[in-house]
Amino acid sequence: MIKFFYHPSPNPLKVALYLEETGEPYELVPVDTRKGEQHAEAFKAINPNAKTPAMLDGDTRVFDSNAMLLYLAEKTGKFLPADTPANKAEMLSWLMFVATGIGPYCGQAVHFKHFAPEPKEYAVNRYDFEAWRHWHIVNDHLATHPYMMGADYTIVDMSVWGWARVVPFVLGADAWDKLPNVKRLLDEVNARPAAQRAEALKTQFTFKTEMDEDARRILFPANERLN
């Protein structure tokens, strides 16, 4: 059975959605990142980057959320586009776009807006601008496509959904006024029973929610250089 190492944050939620959509049996293993459990040697043996999510499928380890989506989709044959070179190229392009653009820029925008020490005006401006730019690309694409790959719901939509859930926290309360097509996709995925089950996984465990000094030290070790 798959062991899925989980925290209720955007990247693990993508994978949780896939597992719930397919009914693939899995064991959920909580990793409380604000307590530093991702830095345990046993976890780093699975994900050397010390980030959630991670997965063990028997003796096979998989880390990085989009790699996990690809691995699971190829294993089960579910929620992949039609098997053509053009579709595969489009799918990989959008998955990498989320992995190298949406995720990092949104993550950095959140960090500098909500958690970084002063001064931070330049960093907030840079990452907020880039996060908006990436989401506008997705929004424009969805203006002419019901889903990211066209007519069919796929792992690309699941990857986008993971981060779309937190767009107001990343970009501000008025974000949906400017990204109506992303909001449409989010609402449609949110209405799926699998998404509701994925969101409910966090209720099985008690995760630390306080961003106290210990959590800041664990999550943002680079700040120690400033002290």
C-alpha atoms as a PDB file:
ATOM      1  CA  MET A   1       0.000   0.000   0.000  1.00  0.00           C
ATOM      2  CA  ILE A   2       1.111   3.559  -0.714  1.00  0.00           C
ATOM      3  CA  LYS A   3       2.375   5.577   2.243  1.00  0.00           C
ATOM      4  CA  PHE A   4       1.490   9.223   1.662  1.00  0.00           C
ATOM      5  CA  PHE A   5       3.380  11.718   3.817  1.00  0.00           C
ATOM      6  CA  TYR A   6       1.024  14.626   4.212  1.00  0.00           C
ATOM      7  CA  HIS A   7       0.588  18.143   5.507  1.00  0.00           C
ATOM      8  CA  PRO A   8      -2.542  20.259   4.781  1.00  0.00           C
ATOM      9  CA  SER A   9      -0.787  22.713   2.461  1.00  0.00           C
ATOM     10  CA  PRO A  10      -1.117  23.285  -1.310  1.00  0.00           C
ATOM     11  CA  ASN A  11       1.341  20.754  -2.691  1.00  0.00           C
ATOM     12  CA  PRO A  12       0.232  17.751  -0.601  1.00  0.00           C
ATOM     13  CA  LEU A  13      -3.415  18.590  -1.326  1.00  0.00           C
ATOM     14  CA  LYS A  14      -2.865  18.010  -5.069  1.00  0.00           C
ATOM     15  CA  VAL A  15      -1.781  14.452  -4.383  1.00  0.00           C
ATOM     16  CA  ALA A  16      -4.510  13.876  -1.806  1.00  0.00           C
ATOM     17  CA  LEU A  17      -7.054  14.904  -4.437  1.00  0.00           C
ATOM     18  CA  TYR A  18      -5.669  12.391  -6.930  1.00  0.00           C
ATOM     19  CA  LEU A  19      -5.694   9.565  -4.405  1.00  0.00           C
ATOM     20  CA  GLU A  20      -9.259  10.371  -3.418  1.00  0.00           C
ATOM     21  CA  GLU A  21     -10.401  10.694  -7.042  1.00  0.00           C
ATOM     22  CA  THR A  22      -9.028   7.283  -7.983  1.00  0.00           C
ATOM     23  CA  GLY A  23      -9.770   5.379  -4.793  1.00  0.00           C
ATOM     24  CA  GLU A  24      -6.183   4.119  -4.781  1.00  0.00           C
ATOM     25  CA  PRO A  25      -5.598   2.631  -1.292  1.00  0.00           C
ATOM     26  CA  TYR A  26      -3.107   4.565   0.809  1.00  0.00           C
ATOM     27  CA  GLU A  27      -1.919   5.105   4.353  1.00  0.00           C
ATOM     28  CA  LEU A  28      -1.864   8.728   5.443  1.00  0.00           C
ATOM     29  CA  VAL A  29       1.222   9.710   7.458  1.00  0.00           C
ATOM     30  CA  PRO A  30       1.054  13.217   8.963  1.00  0.00           C
ATOM     31  CA  VAL A  31       4.143  15.422   8.903  1.00  0.00           C
ATOM     32  CA  ASP A  32       3.838  18.541  11.076  1.00  0.00           C
ATOM     33  CA  THR A  33       6.112  21.013   9.328  1.00  0.00           C
ATOM     34  CA  ARG A  34       5.790  23.743  11.982  1.00  0.00           C
ATOM     35  CA  LYS A  35       7.207  21.271  14.481  1.00  0.00           C
ATOM     36  CA  GLY A  36      10.067  20.377  12.132  1.00  0.00           C
ATOM     37  CA  GLU A  37       9.070  16.746  11.528  1.00  0.00           C
ATOM     38  CA  GLN A  38      10.128  17.094   7.876  1.00  0.00           C
ATOM     39  CA  HIS A  39      13.741  17.330   9.060  1.00  0.00           C
ATOM     40  CA  ALA A  40      13.729  13.888  10.684  1.00  0.00           C
ATOM     41  CA  GLU A  41      16.304  11.597   9.086  1.00  0.00           C
ATOM     42  CA  ALA A  42      13.668   8.950   8.376  1.00  0.00           C
ATOM     43  CA  PHE A  43      11.630  11.441   6.373  1.00  0.00           C
ATOM     44  CA  LYS A  44      14.651  12.872   4.552  1.00  0.00           C
ATOM     45  CA  ALA A  45      15.513   9.351   3.430  1.00  0.00           C
ATOM     46  CA  ILE A  46      12.286   9.544   1.405  1.00  0.00           C
ATOM     47  CA  ASN A  47      12.419  13.232   0.493  1.00  0.00           C
ATOM     48  CA  PRO A  48      15.960  14.619   0.743  1.00  0.00           C
ATOM     49  CA  ASN A  49      14.556  18.114   0.190  1.00  0.00           C
ATOM     50  CA  ALA A  50      12.787  17.909   3.575  1.00  0.00           C
ATOM     51  CA  LYS A  51       9.480  19.153   2.165  1.00  0.00           C
ATOM     52  CA  THR A  52       5.994  17.668   2.038  1.00  0.00           C
ATOM     53  CA  PRO A  53       4.589  15.727   0.308  1.00  0.00           C
ATOM     54  CA  ALA A  54       6.440  12.484  -0.200  1.00  0.00           C
ATOM     55  CA  MET A  55       5.352   8.972  -1.002  1.00  0.00           C
ATOM     56  CA  LEU A  56       6.485   5.377  -0.680  1.00  0.00           C
ATOM     57  CA  ASP A  57       4.977   2.819  -3.041  1.00  0.00           C
ATOM     58  CA  GLY A  58       6.491  -0.345  -1.683  1.00  0.00           C
ATOM     59  CA  ASP A  59      10.223   0.298  -1.976  1.00  0.00           C
ATOM     60  CA  THR A  60       9.792   3.077  -4.531  1.00  0.00           C
ATOM     61  CA  ARG A  61      10.085   6.603  -3.229  1.00  0.00           C
ATOM     62  CA  VAL A  62       8.597   9.609  -4.996  1.00  0.00           C
ATOM     63  CA  PHE A  63       8.998  13.216  -3.948  1.00  0.00           C
ATOM     64  CA  ASP A  64       7.791  16.513  -5.425  1.00  0.00           C
ATOM     65  CA  SER A  65       4.047  16.821  -5.790  1.00  0.00           C
ATOM     66  CA  ASN A  66       3.922  16.987  -9.585  1.00  0.00           C
ATOM     67  CA  ALA A  67       6.250  14.002  -9.887  1.00  0.00           C
ATOM     68  CA  MET A  68       3.844  12.148  -7.616  1.00  0.00           C
ATOM     69  CA  LEU A  69       0.879  13.101  -9.806  1.00  0.00           C
ATOM     70  CA  LEU A  70       2.685  11.858 -12.902  1.00  0.00           C
ATOM     71  CA  TYR A  71       3.805   8.653 -11.193  1.00  0.00           C
ATOM     72  CA  LEU A  72       0.318   7.856  -9.930  1.00  0.00           C
ATOM     73  CA  ALA A  73      -1.380   8.737 -13.206  1.00  0.00           C
ATOM     74  CA  GLU A  74       0.979   6.540 -15.206  1.00  0.00           C
ATOM     75  CA  LYS A  75       0.534   3.732 -12.697  1.00  0.00           C
ATOM     76  CA  THR A  76      -3.260   3.831 -12.701  1.00  0.00           C
ATOM     77  CA  GLY A  77      -3.904   5.200 -16.193  1.00  0.00           C
ATOM     78  CA  LYS A  78      -6.465   7.625 -14.756  1.00  0.00           C
ATOM     79  CA  PHE A  79      -6.884  11.374 -15.313  1.00  0.00           C
ATOM     80  CA  LEU A  80      -4.353  11.523 -18.116  1.00  0.00           C
ATOM     81  CA  PRO A  81      -5.137  13.195 -21.450  1.00  0.00           C
ATOM     82  CA  ALA A  82      -5.433  11.143 -24.630  1.00  0.00           C
ATOM     83  CA  ASP A  83      -2.091   9.494 -25.385  1.00  0.00           C
ATOM     84  CA  THR A  84      -0.650  11.637 -28.171  1.00  0.00           C
ATOM     85  CA  PRO A  85       2.720  13.408 -28.374  1.00  0.00           C
ATOM     86  CA  ALA A  86       0.981  16.788 -28.523  1.00  0.00           C
ATOM     87  CA  ASN A  87      -1.106  16.084 -25.421  1.00  0.00           C
ATOM     88  CA  LYS A  88       1.873  14.781 -23.488  1.00  0.00           C
ATOM     89  CA  ALA A  89       3.894  17.869 -24.367  1.00  0.00           C
ATOM     90  CA  GLU A  90       1.031  20.150 -23.301  1.00  0.00           C
ATOM     91  CA  MET A  91       0.505  18.252 -20.054  1.00  0.00           C
ATOM     92  CA  LEU A  92       4.176  18.297 -19.106  1.00  0.00           C
ATOM     93  CA  SER A  93       4.463  21.966 -20.006  1.00  0.00           C
ATOM     94  CA  TRP A  94       1.618  22.980 -17.714  1.00  0.00           C
ATOM     95  CA  LEU A  95       2.770  20.712 -14.881  1.00  0.00           C
ATOM     96  CA  MET A  96       6.235  22.247 -15.041  1.00  0.00           C
ATOM     97  CA  PHE A  97       4.673  25.714 -15.232  1.00  0.00           C
ATOM     98  CA  VAL A  98       2.942  25.059 -11.917  1.00  0.00           C
ATOM     99  CA  ALA A  99       6.028  23.446 -10.405  1.00  0.00           C
ATOM    100  CA  THR A 100       8.499  26.163 -11.417  1.00  0.00           C
ATOM    101  CA  GLY A 101       6.221  29.209 -11.544  1.00  0.00           C
ATOM    102  CA  ILE A 102       2.914  29.103  -9.693  1.00  0.00           C
ATOM    103  CA  GLY A 103       4.199  27.249  -6.645  1.00  0.00           C
ATOM    104  CA  PRO A 104       7.500  29.061  -6.046  1.00  0.00           C
ATOM    105  CA  TYR A 105       6.212  32.566  -6.766  1.00  0.00           C
ATOM    106  CA  CYS A 106       3.082  32.081  -4.689  1.00  0.00           C
ATOM    107  CA  GLY A 107       5.127  30.622  -1.865  1.00  0.00           C
ATOM    108  CA  GLN A 108       7.584  33.510  -1.901  1.00  0.00           C
ATOM    109  CA  ALA A 109       4.774  36.070  -2.168  1.00  0.00           C
ATOM    110  CA  VAL A 110       3.189  34.595   0.960  1.00  0.00           C
ATOM    111  CA  HIS A 111       6.511  34.549   2.773  1.00  0.00           C
ATOM    112  CA  PHE A 112       7.394  38.161   2.111  1.00  0.00           C
ATOM    113  CA  LYS A 113       3.871  39.517   2.614  1.00  0.00           C
ATOM    114  CA  HIS A 114       3.073  37.658   5.811  1.00  0.00           C
ATOM    115  CA  PHE A 115       6.201  36.349   7.495  1.00  0.00           C
ATOM    116  CA  ALA A 116       9.450  38.035   6.405  1.00  0.00           C
ATOM    117  CA  PRO A 117      11.182  40.653   8.552  1.00  0.00           C
ATOM    118  CA  GLU A 118      11.541  44.233   7.343  1.00  0.00           C
ATOM    119  CA  PRO A 119      12.680  45.700   5.010  1.00  0.00           C
ATOM    120  CA  LYS A 120      10.759  43.789   2.392  1.00  0.00           C
ATOM    121  CA  GLU A 121       9.122  46.265  -0.032  1.00  0.00           C
ATOM    122  CA  TYR A 122      11.212  45.222  -3.039  1.00  0.00           C
ATOM    123  CA  ALA A 123      10.703  41.495  -2.414  1.00  0.00           C
ATOM    124  CA  VAL A 124       6.948  41.886  -1.880  1.00  0.00           C
ATOM    125  CA  ASN A 125       6.652  43.844  -5.127  1.00  0.00           C
ATOM    126  CA  ARG A 126       8.694  41.313  -7.114  1.00  0.00           C
ATOM    127  CA  TYR A 127       6.950  38.159  -5.938  1.00  0.00           C
ATOM    128  CA  ASP A 128       3.464  39.658  -5.908  1.00  0.00           C
ATOM    129  CA  PHE A 129       3.991  40.838  -9.500  1.00  0.00           C
ATOM    130  CA  GLU A 130       5.224  37.426 -10.645  1.00  0.00           C
ATOM    131  CA  ALA A 131       2.481  35.531  -8.828  1.00  0.00           C
ATOM    132  CA  TRP A 132      -0.125  37.731 -10.509  1.00  0.00           C
ATOM    133  CA  ARG A 133       1.580  37.314 -13.883  1.00  0.00           C
ATOM    134  CA  HIS A 134       1.515  33.521 -13.624  1.00  0.00           C
ATOM    135  CA  TRP A 135      -2.120  33.400 -12.501  1.00  0.00           C
ATOM    136  CA  HIS A 136      -3.175  35.701 -15.349  1.00  0.00           C
ATOM    137  CA  ILE A 137      -1.612  33.216 -17.783  1.00  0.00           C
ATOM    138  CA  VAL A 138      -3.739  30.436 -16.290  1.00  0.00           C
ATOM    139  CA  ASN A 139      -6.811  32.657 -16.250  1.00  0.00           C
ATOM    140  CA  ASP A 140      -6.373  33.603 -19.911  1.00  0.00           C
ATOM    141  CA  HIS A 141      -5.910  29.944 -20.850  1.00  0.00           C
ATOM    142  CA  LEU A 142      -9.087  28.946 -19.019  1.00  0.00           C
ATOM    143  CA  ALA A 143     -11.037  31.652 -20.832  1.00  0.00           C
ATOM    144  CA  THR A 144     -11.103  29.382 -23.891  1.00  0.00           C
ATOM    145  CA  HIS A 145     -10.768  25.940 -22.262  1.00  0.00           C
ATOM    146  CA  PRO A 146     -13.094  24.307 -19.727  1.00  0.00           C
ATOM    147  CA  TYR A 147     -10.091  22.552 -18.174  1.00  0.00           C
ATOM    148  CA  MET A 148      -6.360  23.060 -18.419  1.00  0.00           C
ATOM    149  CA  MET A 149      -6.042  20.292 -21.024  1.00  0.00           C
ATOM    150  CA  GLY A 150      -9.191  21.221 -22.895  1.00  0.00           C
ATOM    151  CA  ALA A 151     -12.368  19.198 -22.541  1.00  0.00           C
ATOM    152  CA  ASP A 152     -11.181  16.709 -19.911  1.00  0.00           C
ATOM    153  CA  TYR A 153     -10.393  17.002 -16.198  1.00  0.00           C
ATOM    154  CA  THR A 154      -6.810  15.782 -15.624  1.00  0.00           C
ATOM    155  CA  ILE A 155      -3.899  15.857 -13.230  1.00  0.00           C
ATOM    156  CA  VAL A 156      -3.054  19.337 -14.532  1.00  0.00           C
ATOM    157  CA  ASP A 157      -6.287  20.678 -13.049  1.00  0.00           C
ATOM    158  CA  MET A 158      -5.466  18.943  -9.772  1.00  0.00           C
ATOM    159  CA  SER A 159      -2.058  20.597  -9.746  1.00  0.00           C
ATOM    160  CA  VAL A 160      -3.585  24.025 -10.373  1.00  0.00           C
ATOM    161  CA  TRP A 161      -6.310  23.392  -7.762  1.00  0.00           C
ATOM    162  CA  GLY A 162      -3.785  22.849  -4.992  1.00  0.00           C
ATOM    163  CA  TRP A 163      -2.610  26.460  -5.270  1.00  0.00           C
ATOM    164  CA  ALA A 164      -5.864  28.031  -6.500  1.00  0.00           C
ATOM    165  CA  ARG A 165      -7.388  27.209  -3.108  1.00  0.00           C
ATOM    166  CA  VAL A 166      -5.111  29.798  -1.460  1.00  0.00           C
ATOM    167  CA  VAL A 167      -5.155  32.549  -4.108  1.00  0.00           C
ATOM    168  CA  PRO A 168      -6.845  35.161  -1.848  1.00  0.00           C
ATOM    169  CA  PHE A 169      -4.180  34.607   0.837  1.00  0.00           C
ATOM    170  CA  VAL A 170      -1.448  34.945  -1.792  1.00  0.00           C
ATOM    171  CA  LEU A 171      -2.817  37.842  -3.841  1.00  0.00           C
ATOM    172  CA  GLY A 172      -5.448  39.533  -1.684  1.00  0.00           C
ATOM    173  CA  ALA A 173      -9.164  39.389  -1.000  1.00  0.00           C
ATOM    174  CA  ASP A 174     -10.094  40.915  -4.368  1.00  0.00           C
ATOM    175  CA  ALA A 175      -8.127  38.375  -6.430  1.00  0.00           C
ATOM    176  CA  TRP A 176     -11.180  36.548  -7.732  1.00  0.00           C
ATOM    177  CA  ASP A 177     -12.515  39.744  -9.312  1.00  0.00           C
ATOM    178  CA  LYS A 178      -9.496  39.638 -11.647  1.00  0.00           C
ATOM    179  CA  LEU A 179      -9.247  35.859 -12.089  1.00  0.00           C
ATOM    180  CA  PRO A 180     -12.824  34.716 -12.809  1.00  0.00           C
ATOM    181  CA  ASN A 181     -11.823  31.740 -14.942  1.00  0.00           C
ATOM    182  CA  VAL A 182      -9.500  30.359 -12.277  1.00  0.00           C
ATOM    183  CA  LYS A 183     -12.333  30.806  -9.765  1.00  0.00           C
ATOM    184  CA  ARG A 184     -14.674  28.892 -12.057  1.00  0.00           C
ATOM    185  CA  LEU A 185     -12.269  25.946 -12.179  1.00  0.00           C
ATOM    186  CA  LEU A 186     -11.702  26.098  -8.433  1.00  0.00           C
ATOM    187  CA  ASP A 187     -15.426  26.046  -7.707  1.00  0.00           C
ATOM    188  CA  GLU A 188     -15.980  23.136 -10.064  1.00  0.00           C
ATOM    189  CA  VAL A 189     -13.215  21.046  -8.494  1.00  0.00           C
ATOM    190  CA  ASN A 190     -14.291  22.027  -4.981  1.00  0.00           C
ATOM    191  CA  ALA A 191     -17.740  20.623  -5.741  1.00  0.00           C
ATOM    192  CA  ARG A 192     -16.311  17.180  -6.462  1.00  0.00           C
ATOM    193  CA  PRO A 193     -16.710  14.703  -3.574  1.00  0.00           C
ATOM    194  CA  ALA A 194     -13.040  13.730  -3.867  1.00  0.00           C
ATOM    195  CA  ALA A 195     -11.949  17.321  -3.276  1.00  0.00           C
ATOM    196  CA  GLN A 196     -14.156  17.540  -0.223  1.00  0.00           C
ATOM    197  CA  ARG A 197     -12.656  14.328   1.128  1.00  0.00           C
ATOM    198  CA  ALA A 198      -9.137  15.607   0.427  1.00  0.00           C
ATOM    199  CA  GLU A 199      -9.865  18.847   2.281  1.00  0.00           C
ATOM    200  CA  ALA A 200     -11.281  16.884   5.222  1.00  0.00           C
ATOM    201  CA  LEU A 201      -8.108  14.830   5.716  1.00  0.00           C
ATOM    202  CA  LYS A 202      -6.675  17.536   7.973  1.00  0.00           C
ATOM    203  CA  THR A 203      -9.403  16.877  10.530  1.00  0.00           C
ATOM    204  CA  GLN A 204      -7.878  13.459  11.244  1.00  0.00           C
ATOM    205  CA  PHE A 205      -4.857  15.036  12.910  1.00  0.00           C
ATOM    206  CA  THR A 206      -3.890  18.030  15.007  1.00  0.00           C
ATOM    207  CA  PHE A 207      -1.324  20.148  13.189  1.00  0.00           C
ATOM    208  CA  LYS A 208       0.421  23.092  14.768  1.00  0.00           C
ATOM    209  CA  THR A 209      -1.101  26.314  13.463  1.00  0.00           C
ATOM    210  CA  GLU A 210       0.801  28.928  15.454  1.00  0.00           C
ATOM    211  CA  MET A 211       3.587  30.753  13.647  1.00  0.00           C
ATOM    212  CA  ASP A 212       5.611  31.234  16.819  1.00  0.00           C
ATOM    213  CA  GLU A 213       9.355  31.749  17.069  1.00  0.00           C
ATOM    214  CA  ASP A 214      10.080  28.018  16.984  1.00  0.00           C
ATOM    215  CA  ALA A 215       8.005  27.606  13.815  1.00  0.00           C
ATOM    216  CA  ARG A 216       9.701  30.620  12.186  1.00  0.00           C
ATOM    217  CA  ARG A 217      13.116  29.204  13.010  1.00  0.00           C
ATOM    218  CA  ILE A 218      12.181  25.812  11.519  1.00  0.00           C
ATOM    219  CA  LEU A 219      10.461  27.114   8.376  1.00  0.00           C
ATOM    220  CA  PHE A 220      12.711  30.094   7.643  1.00  0.00           C
ATOM    221  CA  PRO A 221      16.227  29.147   8.772  1.00  0.00           C
ATOM    222  CA  ALA A 222      17.775  31.756   6.500  1.00  0.00           C
ATOM    223  CA  ASN A 223      16.464  34.407   8.897  1.00  0.00           C
ATOM    224  CA  GLU A 224      19.002  33.187  11.456  1.00  0.00           C
ATOM    225  CA  ARG A 225      21.703  34.850   9.374  1.00  0.00           C
ATOM    226  CA  LEU A 226      20.122  38.210  10.228  1.00  0.00           C
ATOM    227  CA  ASN A 227      20.406  37.668  13.957  1.00  0.00           C
END
